[in-house]
């Protein structure tokens, strides 16, 4: 049974999360005193951390940064903030996923399940054409330059990487993104793929994503 540690200073929300997770078959733990947050979290040895950004003393992003110096335990940020800047910062500090309040309980549970499956028995770093792919940090690096991807970009890239050399349709990508808390329409998908292409190009992988008209895309 996986153990999930809740880092949330709002007592009511913390209680709701605790009940939701226990009713879904998880063991839980949580902080009530935030004076020694990092040490208390690490001492609990959880399988996954749910962390709010707005917590006492160190904010969630700073605490995440400190935790990443010690461990690669999966972390999902839970916050009321909705700006892309907060998402990018959280992912760059090493968050595995990001969900905003008010969250859909079913989607949150799906996110938790997906992150736990990714982390179980797999290394966080893999490679693509000489680039190291770090799911925990949401980044690609060639050893000298590190490029942070947004959550949507990483979902798209990971989906295509798992099917490298095969055609991936737009419908398949939309399905892969369906449980994201940001609505993704056809135009938004095009923008995300364009940005992903640009970032791969900056890392020396030009023309990495080939468009097949009326079929989809191929990651080469």
Protein backbone atom coordinates (compact mmCIF):
# COMPACT_ATOMS: atom_id res chain seq x y z
CA UNK A 1 0.00 0.00 0.00
CA UNK A 2 1.45 3.36 -1.04
CA UNK A 3 1.92 6.04 1.62
CA UNK A 4 1.10 9.63 0.69
CA UNK A 5 2.23 12.57 2.79
CA UNK A 6 0.06 15.72 2.79
CA UNK A 7 1.70 19.14 3.18
CA UNK A 8 -1.24 21.51 3.59
CA UNK A 9 -1.75 24.09 6.35
CA UNK A 10 -5.52 24.51 5.86
CA UNK A 11 -6.99 22.08 8.39
CA UNK A 12 -10.26 21.55 6.49
CA UNK A 13 -8.57 20.88 3.13
CA UNK A 14 -6.00 18.66 4.82
CA UNK A 15 -8.79 16.64 6.39
CA UNK A 16 -10.61 16.28 3.06
CA UNK A 17 -7.47 15.08 1.34
CA UNK A 18 -6.69 12.67 4.15
CA UNK A 19 -10.19 11.15 3.99
CA UNK A 20 -10.18 10.96 0.18
CA UNK A 21 -6.83 9.17 0.11
CA UNK A 22 -7.61 6.74 2.93
CA UNK A 23 -10.95 5.85 1.32
CA UNK A 24 -9.03 5.19 -1.91
CA UNK A 25 -6.75 2.65 -0.27
CA UNK A 26 -3.68 4.78 0.53
CA UNK A 27 -1.87 5.17 3.82
CA UNK A 28 -1.52 8.83 4.78
CA UNK A 29 0.52 11.19 6.90
CA UNK A 30 0.56 14.96 7.24
CA UNK A 31 2.21 17.94 8.87
CA UNK A 32 0.56 19.96 11.61
CA UNK A 33 3.73 21.81 12.62
CA UNK A 34 5.69 23.50 9.80
CA UNK A 35 8.73 24.56 11.81
CA UNK A 36 10.82 21.59 10.64
CA UNK A 37 8.97 20.58 7.48
CA UNK A 38 11.75 18.99 5.42
CA UNK A 39 13.07 16.76 8.20
CA UNK A 40 9.56 15.63 9.19
CA UNK A 41 8.65 14.79 5.58
CA UNK A 42 11.84 12.83 4.97
CA UNK A 43 11.45 10.99 8.28
CA UNK A 44 8.01 9.78 7.15
CA UNK A 45 9.55 8.10 4.03
CA UNK A 46 6.41 8.51 1.90
CA UNK A 47 5.93 7.13 -1.61
CA UNK A 48 4.49 10.47 -2.79
CA UNK A 49 4.07 13.99 -1.42
CA UNK A 50 1.07 16.27 -2.01
CA UNK A 51 2.33 19.78 -1.35
CA UNK A 52 0.57 23.14 -1.27
CA UNK A 53 2.55 26.18 -2.38
CA UNK A 54 1.18 28.52 0.30
CA UNK A 55 2.48 27.00 3.55
CA UNK A 56 4.15 28.61 6.59
CA UNK A 57 7.88 29.29 6.84
CA UNK A 58 9.34 27.98 3.56
CA UNK A 59 6.76 28.20 0.78
CA UNK A 60 6.02 25.01 -1.11
CA UNK A 61 8.36 25.78 -4.00
CA UNK A 62 11.28 26.52 -1.67
CA UNK A 63 10.53 23.40 0.38
CA UNK A 64 10.37 21.32 -2.80
CA UNK A 65 13.75 22.67 -3.86
CA UNK A 66 15.24 21.65 -0.51
CA UNK A 67 13.65 18.18 -0.63
CA UNK A 68 15.08 17.59 -4.11
CA UNK A 69 18.57 17.99 -2.65
CA UNK A 70 17.91 14.86 -0.59
CA UNK A 71 15.49 12.63 -2.49
CA UNK A 72 13.57 11.94 -5.72
CA UNK A 73 10.32 11.07 -3.91
CA UNK A 74 7.49 12.01 -6.33
CA UNK A 75 5.82 15.35 -5.55
CA UNK A 76 2.51 16.74 -6.81
CA UNK A 77 1.98 20.44 -6.15
CA UNK A 78 -1.56 21.38 -5.06
CA UNK A 79 -2.29 25.10 -5.20
CA UNK A 80 -4.87 27.80 -5.84
CA UNK A 81 -2.46 29.62 -8.14
CA UNK A 82 -3.14 29.30 -11.87
CA UNK A 83 -0.35 31.22 -13.61
CA UNK A 84 2.03 29.43 -15.98
CA UNK A 85 4.93 30.97 -14.04
CA UNK A 86 4.01 28.97 -10.93
CA UNK A 87 3.72 25.80 -13.00
CA UNK A 88 7.11 26.32 -14.64
CA UNK A 89 8.79 27.13 -11.31
CA UNK A 90 7.29 24.08 -9.62
CA UNK A 91 8.36 21.78 -12.45
CA UNK A 92 11.83 23.33 -12.61
CA UNK A 93 12.27 22.73 -8.87
CA UNK A 94 11.43 19.06 -9.41
CA UNK A 95 7.65 18.60 -9.11
CA UNK A 96 6.28 15.53 -10.90
CA UNK A 97 2.87 17.09 -11.50
CA UNK A 98 0.77 20.14 -10.67
CA UNK A 99 -2.95 20.51 -9.94
CA UNK A 100 -4.94 23.61 -8.99
CA UNK A 101 -7.69 24.15 -6.44
CA UNK A 102 -10.56 23.51 -6.51
CA UNK A 103 -9.40 20.13 -7.77
CA UNK A 104 -11.58 17.33 -9.09
CA UNK A 105 -11.07 14.40 -6.66
CA UNK A 106 -11.23 11.82 -9.45
CA UNK A 107 -8.62 13.67 -11.51
CA UNK A 108 -6.38 14.07 -8.46
CA UNK A 109 -6.53 10.32 -7.81
CA UNK A 110 -5.73 9.63 -11.47
CA UNK A 111 -2.73 11.96 -11.26
CA UNK A 112 -1.50 10.23 -8.11
CA UNK A 113 -1.89 6.80 -9.69
CA UNK A 114 -0.05 7.91 -12.84
CA UNK A 115 2.87 9.44 -10.92
CA UNK A 116 3.22 6.38 -8.69
CA UNK A 117 3.23 4.08 -11.74
CA UNK A 118 5.91 6.20 -13.44
CA UNK A 119 8.11 6.15 -10.37
CA UNK A 120 7.71 2.45 -9.55
CA UNK A 121 10.79 0.52 -10.55
CA UNK A 122 11.96 3.07 -13.13
CA UNK A 123 14.84 5.51 -13.22
CA UNK A 124 13.82 9.14 -13.37
CA UNK A 125 16.31 9.87 -16.14
CA UNK A 126 16.16 8.40 -19.63
CA UNK A 127 17.63 9.55 -22.91
CA UNK A 128 16.59 10.84 -26.31
CA UNK A 129 19.16 11.51 -29.06
CA UNK A 130 21.85 12.41 -26.56
CA UNK A 131 19.52 14.36 -24.26
CA UNK A 132 18.78 13.27 -20.71
CA UNK A 133 15.05 13.22 -19.98
CA UNK A 134 14.21 13.87 -16.34
CA UNK A 135 10.54 13.28 -15.57
CA UNK A 136 10.93 14.33 -11.95
CA UNK A 137 12.25 17.76 -12.90
CA UNK A 138 10.28 18.02 -16.14
CA UNK A 139 13.43 18.84 -18.06
CA UNK A 140 15.72 17.91 -20.94
CA UNK A 141 19.46 18.49 -20.82
CA UNK A 142 22.44 17.97 -23.09
CA UNK A 143 24.84 18.18 -20.15
CA UNK A 144 25.59 21.87 -20.53
CA UNK A 145 22.13 23.35 -21.03
CA UNK A 146 18.92 22.35 -19.26
CA UNK A 147 15.52 23.11 -20.79
CA UNK A 148 12.41 23.01 -18.59
CA UNK A 149 9.19 21.83 -20.23
CA UNK A 150 5.71 22.79 -19.11
CA UNK A 151 3.49 19.99 -17.85
CA UNK A 152 1.63 19.75 -21.17
CA UNK A 153 4.86 19.76 -23.17
CA UNK A 154 6.28 16.94 -21.04
CA UNK A 155 3.10 14.88 -21.38
CA UNK A 156 3.24 15.30 -25.18
CA UNK A 157 6.97 14.59 -25.35
CA UNK A 158 6.79 11.52 -23.10
CA UNK A 159 3.81 10.14 -25.06
CA UNK A 160 5.68 10.58 -28.36
CA UNK A 161 8.98 9.27 -26.94
CA UNK A 162 7.26 6.05 -25.82
CA UNK A 163 6.15 5.65 -29.46
CA UNK A 164 9.28 6.99 -31.12
CA UNK A 165 9.32 6.33 -34.87
CA UNK A 166 5.58 5.68 -35.01
CA UNK A 167 2.81 8.06 -36.05
CA UNK A 168 0.97 9.65 -33.12
CA UNK A 169 -2.38 11.22 -34.00
CA UNK A 170 -3.71 14.49 -32.64
CA UNK A 171 -6.62 12.58 -31.11
CA UNK A 172 -4.19 10.37 -29.20
CA UNK A 173 -2.36 13.41 -27.86
CA UNK A 174 -5.63 15.07 -26.85
CA UNK A 175 -6.58 11.89 -24.99
CA UNK A 176 -3.20 11.84 -23.22
CA UNK A 177 -3.91 15.39 -22.03
CA UNK A 178 -7.55 14.85 -21.08
CA UNK A 179 -7.06 14.68 -17.30
CA UNK A 180 -5.06 17.92 -17.15
CA UNK A 181 -6.75 20.73 -15.22
CA UNK A 182 -6.07 23.11 -18.12
CA UNK A 183 -8.54 22.84 -21.00
CA UNK A 184 -6.63 21.89 -24.15
CA UNK A 185 -8.34 22.50 -27.48
CA UNK A 186 -7.02 21.84 -30.97
CA UNK A 187 -5.33 25.25 -31.25
CA UNK A 188 -3.70 24.88 -27.83
CA UNK A 189 -2.31 21.49 -28.86
CA UNK A 190 -0.74 23.08 -31.95
CA UNK A 191 0.86 25.78 -29.79
CA UNK A 192 2.27 23.22 -27.34
CA UNK A 193 3.77 21.13 -30.12
CA UNK A 194 5.29 24.27 -31.69
CA UNK A 195 6.89 25.25 -28.36
CA UNK A 196 8.17 21.71 -27.83
CA UNK A 197 9.72 21.74 -31.31
CA UNK A 198 11.42 25.05 -30.53
CA UNK A 199 12.86 23.79 -27.24
CA UNK A 200 14.16 20.61 -28.84
CA UNK A 201 15.75 22.71 -31.59
CA UNK A 202 17.50 24.90 -28.99
CA UNK A 203 19.02 21.71 -27.58
CA UNK A 204 20.33 20.71 -31.00
CA UNK A 205 17.51 18.38 -32.04
CA UNK A 206 16.23 20.24 -35.08
CA UNK A 207 13.30 18.75 -36.98
CA UNK A 208 12.82 16.23 -34.16
CA UNK A 209 9.04 16.22 -34.64
CA UNK A 210 7.87 15.50 -38.17
CA UNK A 211 4.33 16.42 -39.21
CA UNK A 212 2.43 13.93 -41.32
CA UNK A 213 -0.54 15.76 -42.84
CA UNK A 214 -3.92 14.18 -42.04
CA UNK A 215 -2.11 11.55 -39.95
CA UNK A 216 -0.28 13.13 -37.04
CA UNK A 217 3.31 13.42 -35.84
CA UNK A 218 6.45 11.31 -35.58
CA UNK A 219 9.23 11.85 -33.06
CA UNK A 220 12.42 10.89 -34.92
